[in-house]
Amino acid sequence: MVWRRLGLDVILEDAEISDESFVFIDDRVNGNYERNNNVARQNLHRILFTPKSSEMKITFTDAAAKPGETLMFNYVQIKLFFPEE
């Protein structure tokens, strides 16, 4: 089975996205418990960005999803990031 990037994305207006951003694709075959081999898979998006103004618009979209596919956003966190110098 081939694991893939799910069709969920975020659009950040008035922001510069860092090259260090990435998407982790969950490729587990088995769950953590006995008889749990049909686990849900997830993609973890880590998007590092610098806002270009004091306000910006964030849009979540499933436009890249396959027709009829059921996907969901489970958790969104926005926090300050200070790179190491």
N, C-alpha and C. Protein backbone atom coordinates (compact mmCIF):
# COMPACT_ATOMS: atom_id res chain seq x y z
N MET A 1 0.85 -1.19 0.00
CA MET A 1 0.00 0.00 0.00
C MET A 1 0.89 1.24 0.00
N VAL A 2 0.50 2.23 -0.76
CA VAL A 2 1.25 3.48 -0.84
C VAL A 2 0.53 4.53 0.00
N TRP A 3 1.24 5.13 0.94
CA TRP A 3 0.68 6.20 1.75
C TRP A 3 0.89 7.49 1.01
N ARG A 4 -0.02 8.41 1.16
CA ARG A 4 0.04 9.64 0.37
C ARG A 4 -0.27 10.86 1.21
N ARG A 5 0.03 11.99 0.62
CA ARG A 5 -0.32 13.26 1.24
C ARG A 5 -1.82 13.46 1.04
N LEU A 6 -2.53 13.72 2.13
CA LEU A 6 -3.98 13.91 2.06
C LEU A 6 -4.31 15.26 1.45
N GLY A 7 -5.52 15.39 0.92
CA GLY A 7 -5.93 16.60 0.20
C GLY A 7 -6.41 17.73 1.08
N LEU A 8 -5.72 18.00 2.16
CA LEU A 8 -6.04 19.13 3.04
C LEU A 8 -4.88 20.11 3.00
N ASP A 9 -5.19 21.39 2.88
CA ASP A 9 -4.15 22.40 2.78
C ASP A 9 -4.55 23.65 3.55
N VAL A 10 -3.57 24.50 3.75
CA VAL A 10 -3.81 25.80 4.37
C VAL A 10 -3.26 26.87 3.44
N ILE A 11 -3.98 27.97 3.33
CA ILE A 11 -3.54 29.11 2.53
C ILE A 11 -3.29 30.26 3.50
N LEU A 12 -2.07 30.77 3.48
CA LEU A 12 -1.69 31.89 4.35
C LEU A 12 -1.51 33.13 3.49
N GLU A 13 -2.38 34.10 3.68
CA GLU A 13 -2.28 35.37 2.94
C GLU A 13 -1.46 36.35 3.78
N ASP A 14 -0.65 37.14 3.12
CA ASP A 14 0.21 38.13 3.78
C ASP A 14 1.21 37.46 4.72
N ALA A 15 1.81 36.35 4.24
CA ALA A 15 2.83 35.66 5.03
C ALA A 15 3.89 35.08 4.11
N GLU A 16 5.10 35.01 4.63
CA GLU A 16 6.21 34.38 3.92
C GLU A 16 6.43 33.01 4.55
N ILE A 17 6.31 31.94 3.76
CA ILE A 17 6.44 30.58 4.27
C ILE A 17 7.90 30.14 4.16
N SER A 18 8.41 29.58 5.25
CA SER A 18 9.80 29.15 5.32
C SER A 18 10.02 27.85 4.53
N ASP A 19 11.22 27.68 4.01
CA ASP A 19 11.61 26.44 3.33
C ASP A 19 11.71 25.28 4.31
N GLU A 20 11.73 25.57 5.61
CA GLU A 20 11.82 24.52 6.63
C GLU A 20 10.46 23.91 6.96
N SER A 21 9.40 24.35 6.31
CA SER A 21 8.07 23.77 6.50
C SER A 21 8.05 22.37 5.90
N PHE A 22 7.21 21.50 6.43
CA PHE A 22 7.13 20.15 5.89
C PHE A 22 5.79 19.50 6.22
N VAL A 23 5.51 18.37 5.57
CA VAL A 23 4.35 17.55 5.86
C VAL A 23 4.86 16.15 6.18
N PHE A 24 4.53 15.64 7.38
CA PHE A 24 4.88 14.27 7.78
C PHE A 24 3.71 13.38 7.38
N ILE A 25 3.99 12.31 6.64
CA ILE A 25 2.94 11.38 6.21
C ILE A 25 3.02 10.13 7.08
N ASP A 26 1.96 9.85 7.82
CA ASP A 26 1.86 8.71 8.73
C ASP A 26 1.74 7.43 7.90
N ASP A 27 2.72 6.54 8.03
CA ASP A 27 2.71 5.31 7.24
C ASP A 27 2.59 4.06 8.11
N ARG A 28 1.97 4.19 9.28
CA ARG A 28 1.80 3.03 10.17
C ARG A 28 0.97 1.95 9.48
N VAL A 29 1.32 0.71 9.73
CA VAL A 29 0.55 -0.41 9.21
C VAL A 29 -0.35 -0.96 10.31
N ASN A 30 0.16 -1.00 11.54
CA ASN A 30 -0.59 -1.54 12.68
C ASN A 30 -0.86 -0.46 13.71
N GLY A 31 -1.94 -0.62 14.46
CA GLY A 31 -2.25 0.29 15.55
C GLY A 31 -1.47 -0.09 16.80
N ASN A 32 -1.71 0.60 17.87
CA ASN A 32 -1.01 0.36 19.13
C ASN A 32 -1.61 -0.77 19.96
N TYR A 33 -2.78 -1.26 19.59
CA TYR A 33 -3.47 -2.24 20.39
C TYR A 33 -3.77 -3.49 19.58
N GLU A 34 -4.00 -4.60 20.26
CA GLU A 34 -4.34 -5.86 19.60
C GLU A 34 -5.60 -5.68 18.73
N ARG A 35 -5.59 -6.27 17.57
CA ARG A 35 -6.71 -6.20 16.61
C ARG A 35 -7.03 -4.76 16.21
N ASN A 36 -6.04 -3.95 16.07
CA ASN A 36 -6.23 -2.55 15.69
C ASN A 36 -5.41 -2.26 14.43
N ASN A 37 -5.55 -3.11 13.42
CA ASN A 37 -4.71 -2.97 12.23
C ASN A 37 -5.32 -2.09 11.15
N ASN A 38 -6.50 -1.57 11.35
CA ASN A 38 -7.12 -0.68 10.37
C ASN A 38 -7.16 0.74 10.94
N VAL A 39 -5.99 1.26 11.27
CA VAL A 39 -5.90 2.56 11.94
C VAL A 39 -6.12 3.70 10.96
N ALA A 40 -6.60 4.81 11.47
CA ALA A 40 -6.70 6.02 10.65
C ALA A 40 -5.30 6.57 10.45
N ARG A 41 -5.06 7.14 9.30
CA ARG A 41 -3.75 7.73 9.01
C ARG A 41 -3.88 9.25 9.09
N GLN A 42 -2.73 9.88 9.30
CA GLN A 42 -2.75 11.33 9.41
C GLN A 42 -1.55 11.94 8.70
N ASN A 43 -1.70 13.16 8.29
CA ASN A 43 -0.59 13.97 7.80
C ASN A 43 -0.42 15.10 8.80
N LEU A 44 0.81 15.32 9.24
CA LEU A 44 1.09 16.40 10.17
C LEU A 44 1.80 17.52 9.41
N HIS A 45 1.17 18.68 9.34
CA HIS A 45 1.74 19.82 8.63
C HIS A 45 2.44 20.72 9.64
N ARG A 46 3.68 21.03 9.36
CA ARG A 46 4.40 22.02 10.18
C ARG A 46 4.77 23.15 9.24
N ILE A 47 4.08 24.25 9.39
CA ILE A 47 4.28 25.38 8.49
C ILE A 47 4.89 26.53 9.29
N LEU A 48 6.11 26.86 8.97
CA LEU A 48 6.78 27.99 9.60
C LEU A 48 6.60 29.20 8.69
N PHE A 49 6.12 30.29 9.25
CA PHE A 49 5.88 31.46 8.43
C PHE A 49 6.16 32.74 9.20
N THR A 50 6.39 33.78 8.43
CA THR A 50 6.58 35.12 8.99
C THR A 50 5.47 36.00 8.44
N PRO A 51 4.63 36.55 9.31
CA PRO A 51 3.57 37.45 8.82
C PRO A 51 4.18 38.71 8.21
N LYS A 52 3.54 39.21 7.17
CA LYS A 52 4.01 40.44 6.51
C LYS A 52 3.28 41.67 7.02
N SER A 53 2.27 41.46 7.88
CA SER A 53 1.52 42.58 8.45
C SER A 53 1.01 42.16 9.83
N SER A 54 0.37 43.08 10.52
CA SER A 54 -0.12 42.78 11.87
C SER A 54 -1.35 41.87 11.86
N GLU A 55 -2.01 41.77 10.70
CA GLU A 55 -3.15 40.87 10.54
C GLU A 55 -2.95 40.07 9.26
N MET A 56 -3.41 38.82 9.30
CA MET A 56 -3.31 37.98 8.10
C MET A 56 -4.49 37.02 8.07
N LYS A 57 -4.77 36.50 6.89
CA LYS A 57 -5.90 35.58 6.72
C LYS A 57 -5.37 34.17 6.55
N ILE A 58 -5.97 33.22 7.29
CA ILE A 58 -5.64 31.80 7.19
C ILE A 58 -6.88 31.07 6.70
N THR A 59 -6.75 30.33 5.60
CA THR A 59 -7.87 29.57 5.02
C THR A 59 -7.50 28.10 4.96
N PHE A 60 -8.39 27.23 5.44
CA PHE A 60 -8.20 25.78 5.36
C PHE A 60 -9.09 25.26 4.24
N THR A 61 -8.55 24.35 3.42
CA THR A 61 -9.30 23.87 2.26
C THR A 61 -9.07 22.38 2.01
N ASP A 62 -10.08 21.76 1.43
CA ASP A 62 -9.95 20.37 1.00
C ASP A 62 -10.06 20.28 -0.53
N ALA A 63 -9.72 21.35 -1.22
CA ALA A 63 -9.84 21.40 -2.68
C ALA A 63 -9.02 20.31 -3.37
N ALA A 64 -7.93 19.86 -2.75
CA ALA A 64 -7.07 18.83 -3.36
C ALA A 64 -7.51 17.41 -3.01
N ALA A 65 -8.60 17.26 -2.27
CA ALA A 65 -9.08 15.93 -1.89
C ALA A 65 -9.68 15.21 -3.09
N LYS A 66 -9.65 13.88 -3.01
CA LYS A 66 -10.29 13.08 -4.07
C LYS A 66 -11.81 13.23 -3.97
N PRO A 67 -12.53 13.16 -5.07
CA PRO A 67 -13.99 13.27 -5.02
C PRO A 67 -14.61 12.23 -4.08
N GLY A 68 -15.47 12.67 -3.18
CA GLY A 68 -16.15 11.79 -2.24
C GLY A 68 -15.32 11.38 -1.04
N GLU A 69 -14.10 11.84 -0.95
CA GLU A 69 -13.22 11.47 0.16
C GLU A 69 -13.62 12.21 1.43
N THR A 70 -13.63 11.50 2.55
CA THR A 70 -13.97 12.10 3.84
C THR A 70 -12.68 12.36 4.61
N LEU A 71 -12.36 13.63 4.84
CA LEU A 71 -11.17 14.02 5.58
C LEU A 71 -11.57 15.01 6.66
N MET A 72 -10.69 15.22 7.64
CA MET A 72 -11.01 16.18 8.70
C MET A 72 -9.76 16.84 9.24
N PHE A 73 -9.93 18.06 9.72
CA PHE A 73 -8.91 18.73 10.51
C PHE A 73 -9.20 18.40 11.95
N ASN A 74 -8.19 17.95 12.67
CA ASN A 74 -8.40 17.58 14.06
C ASN A 74 -7.83 18.61 15.02
N TYR A 75 -6.74 19.23 14.65
CA TYR A 75 -6.06 20.10 15.60
C TYR A 75 -5.29 21.17 14.84
N VAL A 76 -5.45 22.40 15.24
CA VAL A 76 -4.71 23.51 14.65
C VAL A 76 -4.10 24.30 15.79
N GLN A 77 -2.80 24.56 15.70
CA GLN A 77 -2.12 25.34 16.72
C GLN A 77 -1.27 26.40 16.04
N ILE A 78 -1.35 27.61 16.53
CA ILE A 78 -0.50 28.69 16.04
C ILE A 78 0.27 29.22 17.24
N LYS A 79 1.59 29.22 17.14
CA LYS A 79 2.39 29.70 18.26
C LYS A 79 3.63 30.41 17.75
N LEU A 80 4.22 31.22 18.60
CA LEU A 80 5.43 31.95 18.25
C LEU A 80 6.59 30.98 18.10
N PHE A 81 7.46 31.28 17.18
CA PHE A 81 8.64 30.46 16.93
C PHE A 81 9.85 31.37 16.87
N PHE A 82 10.86 31.04 17.64
CA PHE A 82 12.09 31.82 17.65
C PHE A 82 13.23 30.93 17.16
N PRO A 83 13.74 31.18 15.96
CA PRO A 83 14.83 30.32 15.44
C PRO A 83 16.10 30.46 16.27
N GLU A 84 16.87 29.38 16.28
CA GLU A 84 18.17 29.43 16.99
C GLU A 84 19.12 30.31 16.22
N GLU A 85 19.90 31.08 16.94
CA GLU A 85 20.85 31.97 16.27
C GLU A 85 22.26 31.50 16.48
